[in-house]
Each structure stands twice: as structure tokens, then as C-alpha cells.
PDB file of N, CA and C in Angstrom:
ATOM      1  N   UNK A   1      52.671 138.127  97.063  1.00  0.00           N
ATOM      2  CA  UNK A   1      52.868 139.500  97.480  1.00  0.00           C
ATOM      3  C   UNK A   1      54.091 139.622  98.407  1.00  0.00           C
ATOM      4  N   UNK A   2      54.225 138.667  99.344  1.00  0.00           N
ATOM      5  CA  UNK A   2      55.340 138.743 100.283  1.00  0.00           C
ATOM      6  C   UNK A   2      56.671 138.532  99.594  1.00  0.00           C
ATOM      7  N   UNK A   3      56.677 137.727  98.533  1.00  0.00           N
ATOM      8  CA  UNK A   3      57.912 137.529  97.779  1.00  0.00           C
ATOM      9  C   UNK A   3      58.349 138.826  97.120  1.00  0.00           C
ATOM     10  N   UNK A   4      57.392 139.581  96.609  1.00  0.00           N
ATOM     11  CA  UNK A   4      57.690 140.867  95.989  1.00  0.00           C
ATOM     12  C   UNK A   4      58.263 141.841  97.019  1.00  0.00           C
ATOM     13  N   UNK A   5      57.661 141.873  98.190  1.00  0.00           N
ATOM     14  CA  UNK A   5      58.142 142.766  99.249  1.00  0.00           C
ATOM     15  C   UNK A   5      59.530 142.343  99.711  1.00  0.00           C
ATOM     16  N   UNK A   6      59.764 141.041  99.831  1.00  0.00           N
ATOM     17  CA  UNK A   6      61.099 140.564 100.214  1.00  0.00           C
ATOM     18  C   UNK A   6      62.131 140.944  99.162  1.00  0.00           C
ATOM     19  N   UNK A   7      61.747 140.888  97.904  1.00  0.00           N
ATOM     20  CA  UNK A   7      62.643 141.323  96.840  1.00  0.00           C
ATOM     21  C   UNK A   7      62.952 142.802  96.918  1.00  0.00           C
ATOM     22  N   UNK A   8      61.949 143.604  97.227  1.00  0.00           N
ATOM     23  CA  UNK A   8      62.169 145.044  97.385  1.00  0.00           C
ATOM     24  C   UNK A   8      63.099 145.340  98.559  1.00  0.00           C
ATOM     25  N   UNK A   9      62.901 144.635  99.646  1.00  0.00           N
ATOM     26  CA  UNK A   9      63.756 144.837 100.816  1.00  0.00           C
ATOM     27  C   UNK A   9      65.188 144.416 100.505  1.00  0.00           C
ATOM     28  N   UNK A  10      65.343 143.301  99.794  1.00  0.00           N
ATOM     29  CA  UNK A  10      66.681 142.843  99.403  1.00  0.00           C
ATOM     30  C   UNK A  10      67.352 143.878  98.508  1.00  0.00           C
ATOM     31  N   UNK A  11      66.607 144.448  97.568  1.00  0.00           N
ATOM     32  CA  UNK A  11      67.156 145.476  96.698  1.00  0.00           C
ATOM     33  C   UNK A  11      67.561 146.711  97.509  1.00  0.00           C
ATOM     34  N   UNK A  12      66.756 147.065  98.490  1.00  0.00           N
ATOM     35  CA  UNK A  12      67.097 148.200  99.352  1.00  0.00           C
ATOM     36  C   UNK A  12      68.386 147.957 100.128  1.00  0.00           C
ATOM     37  N   UNK A  13      68.552 146.742 100.627  1.00  0.00           N
ATOM     38  CA  UNK A  13      69.795 146.406 101.323  1.00  0.00           C
ATOM     39  C   UNK A  13      70.994 146.452 100.383  1.00  0.00           C
ATOM     40  N   UNK A  14      70.815 145.981  99.144  1.00  0.00           N
ATOM     41  CA  UNK A  14      71.906 146.040  98.171  1.00  0.00           C
ATOM     42  C   UNK A  14      72.293 147.486  97.855  1.00  0.00           C
ATOM     43  N   UNK A  15      71.301 148.338  97.689  1.00  0.00           N
ATOM     44  CA  UNK A  15      71.576 149.753  97.401  1.00  0.00           C
ATOM     45  C   UNK A  15      72.274 150.413  98.581  1.00  0.00           C
ATOM     46  N   UNK A  16      71.824 150.122  99.794  1.00  0.00           N
ATOM     47  CA  UNK A  16      72.484 150.679 100.977  1.00  0.00           C
ATOM     48  C   UNK A  16      73.934 150.207 101.047  1.00  0.00           C
ATOM     49  N   UNK A  17      74.169 148.943 100.726  1.00  0.00           N
ATOM     50  CA  UNK A  17      75.537 148.429 100.697  1.00  0.00           C
ATOM     51  C   UNK A  17      76.385 149.143  99.665  1.00  0.00           C
ATOM     52  N   UNK A  18      75.799 149.451  98.519  1.00  0.00           N
ATOM     53  CA  UNK A  18      76.538 150.181  97.486  1.00  0.00           C
ATOM     54  C   UNK A  18      76.880 151.603  97.931  1.00  0.00           C
ATOM     55  N   UNK A  19      75.972 152.250  98.645  1.00  0.00           N
ATOM     56  CA  UNK A  19      76.277 153.579  99.175  1.00  0.00           C
ATOM     57  C   UNK A  19      77.445 153.529 100.160  1.00  0.00           C
ATOM     58  N   UNK A  20      77.426 152.541 101.055  1.00  0.00           N
ATOM     59  CA  UNK A  20      78.519 152.423 102.007  1.00  0.00           C
ATOM     60  C   UNK A  20      79.825 152.062 101.310  1.00  0.00           C
ATOM     61  N   UNK A  21      79.742 151.279 100.239  1.00  0.00           N
ATOM     62  CA  UNK A  21      80.943 150.969  99.467  1.00  0.00           C
ATOM     63  C   UNK A  21      81.507 152.228  98.815  1.00  0.00           C
ATOM     64  N   UNK A  22      80.623 153.095  98.338  1.00  0.00           N
ATOM     65  CA  UNK A  22      81.062 154.360  97.747  1.00  0.00           C
ATOM     66  C   UNK A  22      81.759 155.235  98.794  1.00  0.00           C
ATOM     67  N   UNK A  23      81.201 155.295  99.988  1.00  0.00           N
ATOM     68  CA  UNK A  23      81.825 156.072 101.058  1.00  0.00           C
ATOM     69  C   UNK A  23      83.165 155.474 101.460  1.00  0.00           C
ATOM     70  N   UNK A  24      83.255 154.144 101.462  1.00  0.00           N
ATOM     71  CA  UNK A  24      84.516 153.489 101.801  1.00  0.00           C
ATOM     72  C   UNK A  24      85.589 153.815 100.761  1.00  0.00           C
ATOM     73  N   UNK A  25      85.216 153.845  99.492  1.00  0.00           N
ATOM     74  CA  UNK A  25      86.195 154.157  98.449  1.00  0.00           C
ATOM     75  C   UNK A  25      86.694 155.594  98.566  1.00  0.00           C
ATOM     76  N   UNK A  26      85.842 156.499  99.051  1.00  0.00           N
ATOM     77  CA  UNK A  26      86.261 157.896  99.227  1.00  0.00           C
ATOM     78  C   UNK A  26      87.178 158.079 100.433  1.00  0.00           C
ATOM     79  N   UNK A  27      86.844 157.396 101.531  1.00  0.00           N
ATOM     80  CA  UNK A  27      87.539 157.655 102.792  1.00  0.00           C
ATOM     81  C   UNK A  27      88.506 156.556 103.208  1.00  0.00           C
ATOM     82  N   UNK A  28      88.370 155.364 102.669  1.00  0.00           N
ATOM     83  CA  UNK A  28      89.148 154.177 103.061  1.00  0.00           C
ATOM     84  C   UNK A  28      88.952 153.830 104.538  1.00  0.00           C
ATOM     85  N   UNK A  29      87.811 154.197 105.079  1.00  0.00           N
ATOM     86  CA  UNK A  29      87.484 153.878 106.469  1.00  0.00           C
ATOM     87  C   UNK A  29      86.852 152.486 106.518  1.00  0.00           C
ATOM     88  N   UNK A  30      87.425 151.560 107.280  1.00  0.00           N
ATOM     89  CA  UNK A  30      86.877 150.196 107.338  1.00  0.00           C
ATOM     90  C   UNK A  30      85.458 150.130 107.888  1.00  0.00           C
ATOM     91  N   UNK A  31      85.019 151.152 108.613  1.00  0.00           N
ATOM     92  CA  UNK A  31      83.650 151.175 109.119  1.00  0.00           C
ATOM     93  C   UNK A  31      82.661 151.057 107.969  1.00  0.00           C
ATOM     94  N   UNK A  32      82.894 151.789 106.903  1.00  0.00           N
ATOM     95  CA  UNK A  32      81.987 151.762 105.765  1.00  0.00           C
ATOM     96  C   UNK A  32      82.052 150.424 105.027  1.00  0.00           C
ATOM     97  N   UNK A  33      83.222 149.827 104.954  1.00  0.00           N
ATOM     98  CA  UNK A  33      83.343 148.523 104.300  1.00  0.00           C
ATOM     99  C   UNK A  33      82.583 147.455 105.076  1.00  0.00           C
ATOM    100  N   UNK A  34      82.679 147.482 106.393  1.00  0.00           N
ATOM    101  CA  UNK A  34      81.959 146.494 107.201  1.00  0.00           C
ATOM    102  C   UNK A  34      80.450 146.734 107.151  1.00  0.00           C
ATOM    103  N   UNK A  35      80.045 147.996 107.097  1.00  0.00           N
ATOM    104  CA  UNK A  35      78.619 148.286 106.958  1.00  0.00           C
ATOM    105  C   UNK A  35      78.107 147.773 105.612  1.00  0.00           C
ATOM    106  N   UNK A  36      78.876 147.975 104.543  1.00  0.00           N
ATOM    107  CA  UNK A  36      78.472 147.474 103.225  1.00  0.00           C
ATOM    108  C   UNK A  36      78.335 145.963 103.253  1.00  0.00           C
ATOM    109  N   UNK A  37      79.290 145.295 103.848  1.00  0.00           N
ATOM    110  CA  UNK A  37      79.248 143.837 103.945  1.00  0.00           C
ATOM    111  C   UNK A  37      78.032 143.375 104.752  1.00  0.00           C
ATOM    112  N   UNK A  38      77.738 144.067 105.837  1.00  0.00           N
ATOM    113  CA  UNK A  38      76.592 143.705 106.667  1.00  0.00           C
ATOM    114  C   UNK A  38      75.282 143.856 105.890  1.00  0.00           C
ATOM    115  N   UNK A  39      75.148 144.930 105.134  1.00  0.00           N
ATOM    116  CA  UNK A  39      73.923 145.121 104.364  1.00  0.00           C
ATOM    117  C   UNK A  39      73.805 144.096 103.243  1.00  0.00           C
ATOM    118  N   UNK A  40      74.932 143.668 102.668  1.00  0.00           N
ATOM    119  CA  UNK A  40      74.865 142.630 101.641  1.00  0.00           C
ATOM    120  C   UNK A  40      74.487 141.284 102.239  1.00  0.00           C
ATOM    121  N   UNK A  41      74.918 141.004 103.465  1.00  0.00           N
ATOM    122  CA  UNK A  41      74.487 139.771 104.139  1.00  0.00           C
ATOM    123  C   UNK A  41      72.989 139.818 104.399  1.00  0.00           C
ATOM    124  N   UNK A  42      72.476 140.984 104.789  1.00  0.00           N
ATOM    125  CA  UNK A  42      71.031 141.121 104.989  1.00  0.00           C
ATOM    126  C   UNK A  42      70.279 140.966 103.671  1.00  0.00           C
ATOM    127  N   UNK A  43      70.868 141.436 102.577  1.00  0.00           N
ATOM    128  CA  UNK A  43      70.236 141.267 101.265  1.00  0.00           C
ATOM    129  C   UNK A  43      70.190 139.792 100.881  1.00  0.00           C
ATOM    130  N   UNK A  44      71.251 139.066 101.158  1.00  0.00           N
ATOM    131  CA  UNK A  44      71.263 137.625 100.885  1.00  0.00           C
ATOM    132  C   UNK A  44      70.193 136.927 101.712  1.00  0.00           C
ATOM    133  N   UNK A  45      70.046 137.347 102.950  1.00  0.00           N
ATOM    134  CA  UNK A  45      69.024 136.775 103.824  1.00  0.00           C
ATOM    135  C   UNK A  45      67.632 136.976 103.228  1.00  0.00           C
ATOM    136  N   UNK A  46      67.331 138.183 102.790  1.00  0.00           N
ATOM    137  CA  UNK A  46      66.018 138.459 102.214  1.00  0.00           C
ATOM    138  C   UNK A  46      65.822 137.736 100.892  1.00  0.00           C
ATOM    139  N   UNK A  47      66.867 137.614 100.094  1.00  0.00           N
ATOM    140  CA  UNK A  47      66.750 136.899  98.824  1.00  0.00           C
ATOM    141  C   UNK A  47      66.460 135.423  99.058  1.00  0.00           C
ATOM    142  N   UNK A  48      67.086 134.856 100.063  1.00  0.00           N
ATOM    143  CA  UNK A  48      66.807 133.450 100.388  1.00  0.00           C
ATOM    144  C   UNK A  48      65.366 133.290 100.827  1.00  0.00           C
ATOM    145  N   UNK A  49      64.872 134.225 101.611  1.00  0.00           N
ATOM    146  CA  UNK A  49      63.474 134.157 102.045  1.00  0.00           C
ATOM    147  C   UNK A  49      62.547 134.243 100.842  1.00  0.00           C
ATOM    148  N   UNK A  50      62.880 135.099  99.881  1.00  0.00           N
ATOM    149  CA  UNK A  50      62.003 135.292  98.732  1.00  0.00           C
ATOM    150  C   UNK A  50      62.038 134.107  97.774  1.00  0.00           C
ATOM    151  N   UNK A  51      63.220 133.547  97.523  1.00  0.00           N
ATOM    152  CA  UNK A  51      63.341 132.543  96.476  1.00  0.00           C
ATOM    153  C   UNK A  51      63.300 131.099  96.959  1.00  0.00           C
ATOM    154  N   UNK A  52      63.595 130.838  98.205  1.00  0.00           N
ATOM    155  CA  UNK A  52      63.697 129.456  98.679  1.00  0.00           C
ATOM    156  C   UNK A  52      62.345 128.814  98.952  1.00  0.00           C
ATOM    157  N   UNK A  53      61.312 129.605  99.176  1.00  0.00           N
ATOM    158  CA  UNK A  53      59.979 129.072  99.464  1.00  0.00           C
ATOM    159  C   UNK A  53      60.006 128.100 100.638  1.00  0.00           C
ATOM    160  N   UNK A  54      60.679 128.507 101.702  1.00  0.00           N
ATOM    161  CA  UNK A  54      60.762 127.666 102.891  1.00  0.00           C
ATOM    162  C   UNK A  54      59.546 127.875 103.775  1.00  0.00           C
ATOM    163  N   UNK A  55      59.142 126.825 104.445  1.00  0.00           N
ATOM    164  CA  UNK A  55      58.078 126.951 105.435  1.00  0.00           C
ATOM    165  C   UNK A  55      58.606 127.749 106.620  1.00  0.00           C
ATOM    166  N   UNK A  56      57.711 128.324 107.385  1.00  0.00           N
ATOM    167  CA  UNK A  56      58.123 129.150 108.520  1.00  0.00           C
ATOM    168  C   UNK A  56      58.973 128.372 109.512  1.00  0.00           C
ATOM    169  N   UNK A  57      58.692 127.094 109.678  1.00  0.00           N
ATOM    170  CA  UNK A  57      59.449 126.283 110.624  1.00  0.00           C
ATOM    171  C   UNK A  57      60.876 126.029 110.153  1.00  0.00           C
ATOM    172  N   UNK A  58      61.106 126.113 108.862  1.00  0.00           N
ATOM    173  CA  UNK A  58      62.430 125.827 108.315  1.00  0.00           C
ATOM    174  C   UNK A  58      63.289 127.074 108.128  1.00  0.00           C
ATOM    175  N   UNK A  59      62.806 128.214 108.522  1.00  0.00           N
ATOM    176  CA  UNK A  59      63.548 129.469 108.339  1.00  0.00           C
ATOM    177  C   UNK A  59      64.394 129.861 109.545  1.00  0.00           C
ATOM    178  N   UNK A  60      64.422 129.066 110.570  1.00  0.00           N
ATOM    179  CA  UNK A  60      65.103 129.482 111.798  1.00  0.00           C
ATOM    180  C   UNK A  60      66.607 129.665 111.597  1.00  0.00           C
ATOM    181  N   UNK A  61      67.223 128.906 110.708  1.00  0.00           N
ATOM    182  CA  UNK A  61      68.660 129.043 110.467  1.00  0.00           C
ATOM    183  C   UNK A  61      68.985 130.380 109.804  1.00  0.00           C
ATOM    184  N   UNK A  62      67.984 131.021 109.208  1.00  0.00           N
ATOM    185  CA  UNK A  62      68.240 132.321 108.578  1.00  0.00           C
ATOM    186  C   UNK A  62      68.544 133.408 109.616  1.00  0.00           C
ATOM    187  N   UNK A  63      68.153 133.176 110.845  1.00  0.00           N
ATOM    188  CA  UNK A  63      68.481 134.134 111.893  1.00  0.00           C
ATOM    189  C   UNK A  63      69.985 134.201 112.134  1.00  0.00           C
ATOM    190  N   UNK A  64      70.703 133.153 111.786  1.00  0.00           N
ATOM    191  CA  UNK A  64      72.162 133.193 111.907  1.00  0.00           C
ATOM    192  C   UNK A  64      72.766 134.202 110.942  1.00  0.00           C
ATOM    193  N   UNK A  65      72.191 134.320 109.748  1.00  0.00           N
ATOM    194  CA  UNK A  65      72.666 135.342 108.810  1.00  0.00           C
ATOM    195  C   UNK A  65      72.428 136.741 109.363  1.00  0.00           C
ATOM    196  N   UNK A  66      71.274 136.937 109.966  1.00  0.00           N
ATOM    197  CA  UNK A  66      70.999 138.241 110.575  1.00  0.00           C
ATOM    198  C   UNK A  66      71.953 138.514 111.732  1.00  0.00           C
ATOM    199  N   UNK A  67      72.252 137.473 112.502  1.00  0.00           N
ATOM    200  CA  UNK A  67      73.192 137.614 113.603  1.00  0.00           C
ATOM    201  C   UNK A  67      74.564 138.015 113.083  1.00  0.00           C
ATOM    202  N   UNK A  68      74.995 137.415 111.980  1.00  0.00           N
ATOM    203  CA  UNK A  68      76.284 137.767 111.377  1.00  0.00           C
ATOM    204  C   UNK A  68      76.274 139.229 110.938  1.00  0.00           C
ATOM    205  N   UNK A  69      75.206 139.653 110.292  1.00  0.00           N
ATOM    206  CA  UNK A  69      75.130 141.029 109.800  1.00  0.00           C
ATOM    207  C   UNK A  69      75.166 142.035 110.954  1.00  0.00           C
ATOM    208  N   UNK A  70      74.367 141.807 111.967  1.00  0.00           N
ATOM    209  CA  UNK A  70      74.334 142.750 113.083  1.00  0.00           C
ATOM    210  C   UNK A  70      75.617 142.686 113.899  1.00  0.00           C
ATOM    211  N   UNK A  71      76.257 141.533 113.931  1.00  0.00           N
ATOM    212  CA  UNK A  71      77.555 141.435 114.599  1.00  0.00           C
ATOM    213  C   UNK A  71      78.612 142.237 113.841  1.00  0.00           C
ATOM    214  N   UNK A  72      78.558 142.204 112.515  1.00  0.00           N
ATOM    215  CA  UNK A  72      79.481 143.020 111.723  1.00  0.00           C
ATOM    216  C   UNK A  72      79.299 144.505 112.011  1.00  0.00           C
ATOM    217  N   UNK A  73      78.058 144.932 112.107  1.00  0.00           N
ATOM    218  CA  UNK A  73      77.788 146.339 112.415  1.00  0.00           C
ATOM    219  C   UNK A  73      78.313 146.683 113.802  1.00  0.00           C
ATOM    220  N   UNK A  74      78.068 145.818 114.765  1.00  0.00           N
ATOM    221  CA  UNK A  74      78.534 146.060 116.132  1.00  0.00           C
ATOM    222  C   UNK A  74      80.055 146.106 116.201  1.00  0.00           C
ATOM    223  N   UNK A  75      80.712 145.171 115.535  1.00  0.00           N
ATOM    224  CA  UNK A  75      82.179 145.148 115.520  1.00  0.00           C
ATOM    225  C   UNK A  75      82.722 146.408 114.867  1.00  0.00           C
ATOM    226  N   UNK A  76      82.101 146.841 113.773  1.00  0.00           N
ATOM    227  CA  UNK A  76      82.562 148.054 113.083  1.00  0.00           C
ATOM    228  C   UNK A  76      82.459 149.276 113.984  1.00  0.00           C
ATOM    229  N   UNK A  77      81.355 149.399 114.701  1.00  0.00           N
ATOM    230  CA  UNK A  77      81.166 150.557 115.587  1.00  0.00           C
ATOM    231  C   UNK A  77      82.143 150.513 116.749  1.00  0.00           C
ATOM    232  N   UNK A  78      82.287 149.338 117.363  1.00  0.00           N
ATOM    233  CA  UNK A  78      83.213 149.228 118.483  1.00  0.00           C
ATOM    234  C   UNK A  78      84.652 149.474 118.056  1.00  0.00           C
ATOM    235  N   UNK A  79      85.025 148.967 116.885  1.00  0.00           N
ATOM    236  CA  UNK A  79      86.388 149.163 116.391  1.00  0.00           C
ATOM    237  C   UNK A  79      86.653 150.628 116.066  1.00  0.00           C
ATOM    238  N   UNK A  80      85.662 151.293 115.510  1.00  0.00           N
ATOM    239  CA  UNK A  80      85.819 152.720 115.187  1.00  0.00           C
ATOM    240  C   UNK A  80      85.965 153.539 116.458  1.00  0.00           C
ATOM    241  N   UNK A  81      85.203 153.241 117.485  1.00  0.00           N
ATOM    242  CA  UNK A  81      85.287 153.997 118.722  1.00  0.00           C
ATOM    243  C   UNK A  81      86.538 153.656 119.517  1.00  0.00           C
ATOM    244  N   UNK A  82      87.046 152.469 119.368  1.00  0.00           N
ATOM    245  CA  UNK A  82      88.255 152.087 120.082  1.00  0.00           C
ATOM    246  C   UNK A  82      89.467 152.795 119.517  1.00  0.00           C
ATOM    247  N   UNK A  83      89.505 152.947 118.197  1.00  0.00           N
ATOM    248  CA  UNK A  83      90.643 153.607 117.548  1.00  0.00           C
ATOM    249  C   UNK A  83      90.727 155.082 117.907  1.00  0.00           C
ATOM    250  N   UNK A  84      89.608 155.686 118.182  1.00  0.00           N
ATOM    251  CA  UNK A  84      89.615 157.119 118.517  1.00  0.00           C
ATOM    252  C   UNK A  84      90.157 157.287 119.905  1.00  0.00           C
TER     253      UNK A  84
END
């Protein structure tokens, strides 16, 4: 059951990334490109959780992927506000 839910969450992250990619193509604003990239990193994280069948003790390195994704979002927001 949890694998199915992880797959759904990964699909949701992929769709969100596609929406941000669409907005980036319309506006050419790097904020949307970085958001798309961050959501795709989160989708990769969830896909690894679903397909790798790792024990809970072996999943700690996956937090680095989440850190990368949230850092991308933070950098995008700070860069957008700095340019203004």
C-alpha cells in the first residue's frame, strides 16, 4: 500500500514540475525553472523510496535529496527577491 502511495506522490511531484516548466516556457523566469527542477528531485526521491525497498535505517541518505530540492526552492525565492 505504501509503495502505491509513494508512486502517487511521485507522480504528483512530476505533474507539479511540468506545470512549473510550462510557466517557465511562457515567462522565461528562472524561478519557475528552479521550482520545476526541485519538484523533479522530490519525485526522484519518492520513486527511490517506492522502488528500492530499503529498510528504514538505510533511507537516511534520501534526506540529502530533499535538502537539495528545498535548497533549490530557497535559492530561487531569494534570487527572485534580490533581483527586484
